[in-house]
Amino acid sequence: MKAVVNDGCISCGACVAACPEVFRFNDDGVAEAYAQVAPEYESTAIEARDSCPVSVIDLKE
């Protein structure tokens, strides 16, 4: 699974808190997906997507 953070991130940190194995803040202070979603992190990546208040996270198979 691949995660993508689209334009519109408000830097709230919900995804980083939910799944730091996949999401982090970049140098501009917005979240980015920096790693593929390993099978053991799929549920936390889904939690990160669902907790995003501006719905800018896409998860793709």
PDB file of N, CA and C in Angstrom:
ATOM      1  N   MET A   1       0.850  -1.176   0.000  1.00  0.00           N
ATOM      2  CA  MET A   1       0.000   0.000   0.000  1.00  0.00           C
ATOM      3  C   MET A   1       0.892   1.235   0.000  1.00  0.00           C
ATOM      4  N   LYS A   2       0.430   2.258  -0.688  1.00  0.00           N
ATOM      5  CA  LYS A   2       1.163   3.517  -0.740  1.00  0.00           C
ATOM      6  C   LYS A   2       0.293   4.627  -0.179  1.00  0.00           C
ATOM      7  N   ALA A   3       0.894   5.496   0.595  1.00  0.00           N
ATOM      8  CA  ALA A   3       0.194   6.648   1.158  1.00  0.00           C
ATOM      9  C   ALA A   3       0.679   7.915   0.458  1.00  0.00           C
ATOM     10  N   VAL A   4      -0.240   8.837   0.253  1.00  0.00           N
ATOM     11  CA  VAL A   4       0.074  10.120  -0.360  1.00  0.00           C
ATOM     12  C   VAL A   4      -0.624  11.208   0.433  1.00  0.00           C
ATOM     13  N   VAL A   5       0.113  12.264   0.773  1.00  0.00           N
ATOM     14  CA  VAL A   5      -0.483  13.435   1.412  1.00  0.00           C
ATOM     15  C   VAL A   5      -0.613  14.499   0.328  1.00  0.00           C
ATOM     16  N   ASN A   6      -1.836  14.838  -0.012  1.00  0.00           N
ATOM     17  CA  ASN A   6      -2.100  15.816  -1.069  1.00  0.00           C
ATOM     18  C   ASN A   6      -1.974  17.243  -0.547  1.00  0.00           C
ATOM     19  N   ASP A   7      -2.007  18.201  -1.466  1.00  0.00           N
ATOM     20  CA  ASP A   7      -1.985  19.613  -1.086  1.00  0.00           C
ATOM     21  C   ASP A   7      -3.144  19.917  -0.150  1.00  0.00           C
ATOM     22  N   GLY A   8      -2.911  20.803   0.772  1.00  0.00           N
ATOM     23  CA  GLY A   8      -3.954  21.214   1.699  1.00  0.00           C
ATOM     24  C   GLY A   8      -3.696  20.793   3.134  1.00  0.00           C
ATOM     25  N   CYS A   9      -2.555  20.143   3.374  1.00  0.00           N
ATOM     26  CA  CYS A   9      -2.209  19.742   4.741  1.00  0.00           C
ATOM     27  C   CYS A   9      -2.136  20.983   5.627  1.00  0.00           C
ATOM     28  N   ILE A  10      -2.731  20.890   6.821  1.00  0.00           N
ATOM     29  CA  ILE A  10      -2.737  22.028   7.751  1.00  0.00           C
ATOM     30  C   ILE A  10      -1.752  21.821   8.909  1.00  0.00           C
ATOM     31  N   SER A  11      -0.892  20.832   8.793  1.00  0.00           N
ATOM     32  CA  SER A  11       0.165  20.581   9.781  1.00  0.00           C
ATOM     33  C   SER A  11      -0.369  20.285  11.176  1.00  0.00           C
ATOM     34  N   CYS A  12      -1.494  19.580  11.257  1.00  0.00           N
ATOM     35  CA  CYS A  12      -2.070  19.293  12.574  1.00  0.00           C
ATOM     36  C   CYS A  12      -1.324  18.176  13.300  1.00  0.00           C
ATOM     37  N   GLY A  13      -0.711  17.276  12.543  1.00  0.00           N
ATOM     38  CA  GLY A  13       0.058  16.202  13.154  1.00  0.00           C
ATOM     39  C   GLY A  13      -0.714  14.943  13.459  1.00  0.00           C
ATOM     40  N   ALA A  14      -1.995  14.882  13.099  1.00  0.00           N
ATOM     41  CA  ALA A  14      -2.793  13.696  13.401  1.00  0.00           C
ATOM     42  C   ALA A  14      -2.227  12.443  12.738  1.00  0.00           C
ATOM     43  N   CYS A  15      -1.807  12.549  11.494  1.00  0.00           N
ATOM     44  CA  CYS A  15      -1.276  11.375  10.800  1.00  0.00           C
ATOM     45  C   CYS A  15       0.073  10.957  11.370  1.00  0.00           C
ATOM     46  N   VAL A  16       0.899  11.928  11.701  1.00  0.00           N
ATOM     47  CA  VAL A  16       2.216  11.637  12.275  1.00  0.00           C
ATOM     48  C   VAL A  16       2.057  10.950  13.625  1.00  0.00           C
ATOM     49  N   ALA A  17       1.112  11.406  14.415  1.00  0.00           N
ATOM     50  CA  ALA A  17       0.864  10.793  15.723  1.00  0.00           C
ATOM     51  C   ALA A  17       0.310   9.382  15.583  1.00  0.00           C
ATOM     52  N   ALA A  18      -0.573   9.182  14.607  1.00  0.00           N
ATOM     53  CA  ALA A  18      -1.212   7.873  14.442  1.00  0.00           C
ATOM     54  C   ALA A  18      -0.284   6.846  13.817  1.00  0.00           C
ATOM     55  N   CYS A  19       0.579   7.268  12.902  1.00  0.00           N
ATOM     56  CA  CYS A  19       1.411   6.316  12.166  1.00  0.00           C
ATOM     57  C   CYS A  19       2.767   6.924  11.803  1.00  0.00           C
ATOM     58  N   PRO A  20       3.654   7.090  12.791  1.00  0.00           N
ATOM     59  CA  PRO A  20       4.961   7.684  12.511  1.00  0.00           C
ATOM     60  C   PRO A  20       5.866   6.795  11.650  1.00  0.00           C
ATOM     61  N   GLU A  21       5.473   5.545  11.460  1.00  0.00           N
ATOM     62  CA  GLU A  21       6.249   4.653  10.609  1.00  0.00           C
ATOM     63  C   GLU A  21       6.075   4.997   9.126  1.00  0.00           C
ATOM     64  N   VAL A  22       5.056   5.798   8.813  1.00  0.00           N
ATOM     65  CA  VAL A  22       4.769   6.154   7.419  1.00  0.00           C
ATOM     66  C   VAL A  22       4.785   7.672   7.198  1.00  0.00           C
ATOM     67  N   PHE A  23       4.333   8.449   8.184  1.00  0.00           N
ATOM     68  CA  PHE A  23       4.190   9.898   8.025  1.00  0.00           C
ATOM     69  C   PHE A  23       5.174  10.659   8.911  1.00  0.00           C
ATOM     70  N   ARG A  24       5.610  11.792   8.408  1.00  0.00           N
ATOM     71  CA  ARG A  24       6.474  12.703   9.168  1.00  0.00           C
ATOM     72  C   ARG A  24       6.268  14.109   8.627  1.00  0.00           C
ATOM     73  N   PHE A  25       6.801  15.091   9.353  1.00  0.00           N
ATOM     74  CA  PHE A  25       6.773  16.469   8.874  1.00  0.00           C
ATOM     75  C   PHE A  25       8.007  16.706   8.018  1.00  0.00           C
ATOM     76  N   ASN A  26       7.823  17.380   6.881  1.00  0.00           N
ATOM     77  CA  ASN A  26       8.970  17.718   6.044  1.00  0.00           C
ATOM     78  C   ASN A  26       9.558  19.059   6.490  1.00  0.00           C
ATOM     79  N   ASP A  27      10.536  19.548   5.767  1.00  0.00           N
ATOM     80  CA  ASP A  27      11.204  20.798   6.143  1.00  0.00           C
ATOM     81  C   ASP A  27      10.284  22.014   6.078  1.00  0.00           C
ATOM     82  N   ASP A  28       9.198  21.907   5.338  1.00  0.00           N
ATOM     83  CA  ASP A  28       8.237  23.002   5.251  1.00  0.00           C
ATOM     84  C   ASP A  28       7.175  22.944   6.345  1.00  0.00           C
ATOM     85  N   GLY A  29       7.255  21.913   7.196  1.00  0.00           N
ATOM     86  CA  GLY A  29       6.323  21.788   8.309  1.00  0.00           C
ATOM     87  C   GLY A  29       4.998  21.138   7.979  1.00  0.00           C
ATOM     88  N   VAL A  30       4.888  20.557   6.790  1.00  0.00           N
ATOM     89  CA  VAL A  30       3.665  19.837   6.433  1.00  0.00           C
ATOM     90  C   VAL A  30       3.954  18.344   6.409  1.00  0.00           C
ATOM     91  N   ALA A  31       2.920  17.563   6.572  1.00  0.00           N
ATOM     92  CA  ALA A  31       3.094  16.108   6.622  1.00  0.00           C
ATOM     93  C   ALA A  31       3.399  15.554   5.234  1.00  0.00           C
ATOM     94  N   GLU A  32       4.161  14.473   5.246  1.00  0.00           N
ATOM     95  CA  GLU A  32       4.440  13.741   4.019  1.00  0.00           C
ATOM     96  C   GLU A  32       4.506  12.262   4.348  1.00  0.00           C
ATOM     97  N   ALA A  33       4.230  11.454   3.353  1.00  0.00           N
ATOM     98  CA  ALA A  33       4.411  10.013   3.490  1.00  0.00           C
ATOM     99  C   ALA A  33       5.819   9.718   3.009  1.00  0.00           C
ATOM    100  N   TYR A  34       6.641   9.165   3.878  1.00  0.00           N
ATOM    101  CA  TYR A  34       8.040   8.941   3.525  1.00  0.00           C
ATOM    102  C   TYR A  34       8.383   7.474   3.352  1.00  0.00           C
ATOM    103  N   ALA A  35       7.432   6.586   3.592  1.00  0.00           N
ATOM    104  CA  ALA A  35       7.705   5.155   3.477  1.00  0.00           C
ATOM    105  C   ALA A  35       6.468   4.446   2.947  1.00  0.00           C
ATOM    106  N   GLN A  36       6.691   3.328   2.277  1.00  0.00           N
ATOM    107  CA  GLN A  36       5.588   2.472   1.873  1.00  0.00           C
ATOM    108  C   GLN A  36       4.883   1.977   3.129  1.00  0.00           C
ATOM    109  N   VAL A  37       3.616   1.674   3.005  1.00  0.00           N
ATOM    110  CA  VAL A  37       2.854   1.155   4.138  1.00  0.00           C
ATOM    111  C   VAL A  37       3.056  -0.362   4.179  1.00  0.00           C
ATOM    112  N   ALA A  38       3.854  -0.807   5.123  1.00  0.00           N
ATOM    113  CA  ALA A  38       4.070  -2.243   5.303  1.00  0.00           C
ATOM    114  C   ALA A  38       2.785  -2.866   5.836  1.00  0.00           C
ATOM    115  N   PRO A  39       2.578  -4.142   5.548  1.00  0.00           N
ATOM    116  CA  PRO A  39       1.337  -4.799   5.997  1.00  0.00           C
ATOM    117  C   PRO A  39       1.038  -4.614   7.485  1.00  0.00           C
ATOM    118  N   GLU A  40       2.049  -4.621   8.312  1.00  0.00           N
ATOM    119  CA  GLU A  40       1.813  -4.487   9.755  1.00  0.00           C
ATOM    120  C   GLU A  40       1.378  -3.079  10.163  1.00  0.00           C
ATOM    121  N   TYR A  41       1.491  -2.092   9.254  1.00  0.00           N
ATOM    122  CA  TYR A  41       1.094  -0.719   9.564  1.00  0.00           C
ATOM    123  C   TYR A  41      -0.152  -0.277   8.803  1.00  0.00           C
ATOM    124  N   GLU A  42      -0.786  -1.185   8.079  1.00  0.00           N
ATOM    125  CA  GLU A  42      -1.965  -0.801   7.300  1.00  0.00           C
ATOM    126  C   GLU A  42      -3.079  -0.239   8.182  1.00  0.00           C
ATOM    127  N   SER A  43      -3.328  -0.855   9.319  1.00  0.00           N
ATOM    128  CA  SER A  43      -4.426  -0.375  10.171  1.00  0.00           C
ATOM    129  C   SER A  43      -4.129   1.005  10.745  1.00  0.00           C
ATOM    130  N   THR A  44      -2.875   1.284  11.101  1.00  0.00           N
ATOM    131  CA  THR A  44      -2.561   2.619  11.627  1.00  0.00           C
ATOM    132  C   THR A  44      -2.514   3.656  10.509  1.00  0.00           C
ATOM    133  N   ALA A  45      -2.157   3.252   9.294  1.00  0.00           N
ATOM    134  CA  ALA A  45      -2.200   4.180   8.157  1.00  0.00           C
ATOM    135  C   ALA A  45      -3.652   4.549   7.842  1.00  0.00           C
ATOM    136  N   ILE A  46      -4.548   3.580   7.929  1.00  0.00           N
ATOM    137  CA  ILE A  46      -5.977   3.850   7.729  1.00  0.00           C
ATOM    138  C   ILE A  46      -6.488   4.779   8.826  1.00  0.00           C
ATOM    139  N   GLU A  47      -6.046   4.538  10.062  1.00  0.00           N
ATOM    140  CA  GLU A  47      -6.413   5.426  11.176  1.00  0.00           C
ATOM    141  C   GLU A  47      -5.913   6.844  10.919  1.00  0.00           C
ATOM    142  N   ALA A  48      -4.692   6.968  10.400  1.00  0.00           N
ATOM    143  CA  ALA A  48      -4.131   8.288  10.088  1.00  0.00           C
ATOM    144  C   ALA A  48      -4.973   8.988   9.028  1.00  0.00           C
ATOM    145  N   ARG A  49      -5.342   8.256   7.975  1.00  0.00           N
ATOM    146  CA  ARG A  49      -6.189   8.836   6.921  1.00  0.00           C
ATOM    147  C   ARG A  49      -7.529   9.285   7.490  1.00  0.00           C
ATOM    148  N   ASP A  50      -8.127   8.428   8.288  1.00  0.00           N
ATOM    149  CA  ASP A  50      -9.451   8.728   8.827  1.00  0.00           C
ATOM    150  C   ASP A  50      -9.432   9.855   9.857  1.00  0.00           C
ATOM    151  N   SER A  51      -8.295  10.082  10.498  1.00  0.00           N
ATOM    152  CA  SER A  51      -8.212  11.143  11.508  1.00  0.00           C
ATOM    153  C   SER A  51      -7.800  12.491  10.916  1.00  0.00           C
ATOM    154  N   CYS A  52      -7.489  12.529   9.640  1.00  0.00           N
ATOM    155  CA  CYS A  52      -7.090  13.784   8.996  1.00  0.00           C
ATOM    156  C   CYS A  52      -8.297  14.718   8.909  1.00  0.00           C
ATOM    157  N   PRO A  53      -8.231  15.889   9.554  1.00  0.00           N
ATOM    158  CA  PRO A  53      -9.395  16.788   9.576  1.00  0.00           C
ATOM    159  C   PRO A  53      -9.685  17.448   8.229  1.00  0.00           C
ATOM    160  N   VAL A  54      -8.730  17.425   7.306  1.00  0.00           N
ATOM    161  CA  VAL A  54      -8.956  18.054   5.998  1.00  0.00           C
ATOM    162  C   VAL A  54      -8.958  17.022   4.860  1.00  0.00           C
ATOM    163  N   SER A  55      -8.916  15.753   5.201  1.00  0.00           N
ATOM    164  CA  SER A  55      -9.029  14.647   4.231  1.00  0.00           C
ATOM    165  C   SER A  55      -8.075  14.762   3.047  1.00  0.00           C
ATOM    166  N   VAL A  56      -6.792  14.942   3.348  1.00  0.00           N
ATOM    167  CA  VAL A  56      -5.800  15.063   2.261  1.00  0.00           C
ATOM    168  C   VAL A  56      -4.928  13.816   2.095  1.00  0.00           C
ATOM    169  N   ILE A  57      -5.245  12.739   2.785  1.00  0.00           N
ATOM    170  CA  ILE A  57      -4.446  11.515   2.695  1.00  0.00           C
ATOM    171  C   ILE A  57      -5.167  10.503   1.824  1.00  0.00           C
ATOM    172  N   ASP A  58      -4.439   9.979   0.835  1.00  0.00           N
ATOM    173  CA  ASP A  58      -4.946   8.903  -0.003  1.00  0.00           C
ATOM    174  C   ASP A  58      -4.109   7.667   0.262  1.00  0.00           C
ATOM    175  N   LEU A  59      -4.766   6.522   0.318  1.00  0.00           N
ATOM    176  CA  LEU A  59      -4.088   5.241   0.430  1.00  0.00           C
ATOM    177  C   LEU A  59      -4.423   4.441  -0.818  1.00  0.00           C
ATOM    178  N   LYS A  60      -3.390   3.939  -1.471  1.00  0.00           N
ATOM    179  CA  LYS A  60      -3.577   3.211  -2.723  1.00  0.00           C
ATOM    180  C   LYS A  60      -2.930   1.847  -2.609  1.00  0.00           C
ATOM    181  N   GLU A  61      -3.599   0.856  -3.184  1.00  0.00           N
ATOM    182  CA  GLU A  61      -3.062  -0.514  -3.183  1.00  0.00           C
ATOM    183  C   GLU A  61      -1.846  -0.612  -4.056  1.00  0.00           C
TER     184      GLU A  61
END
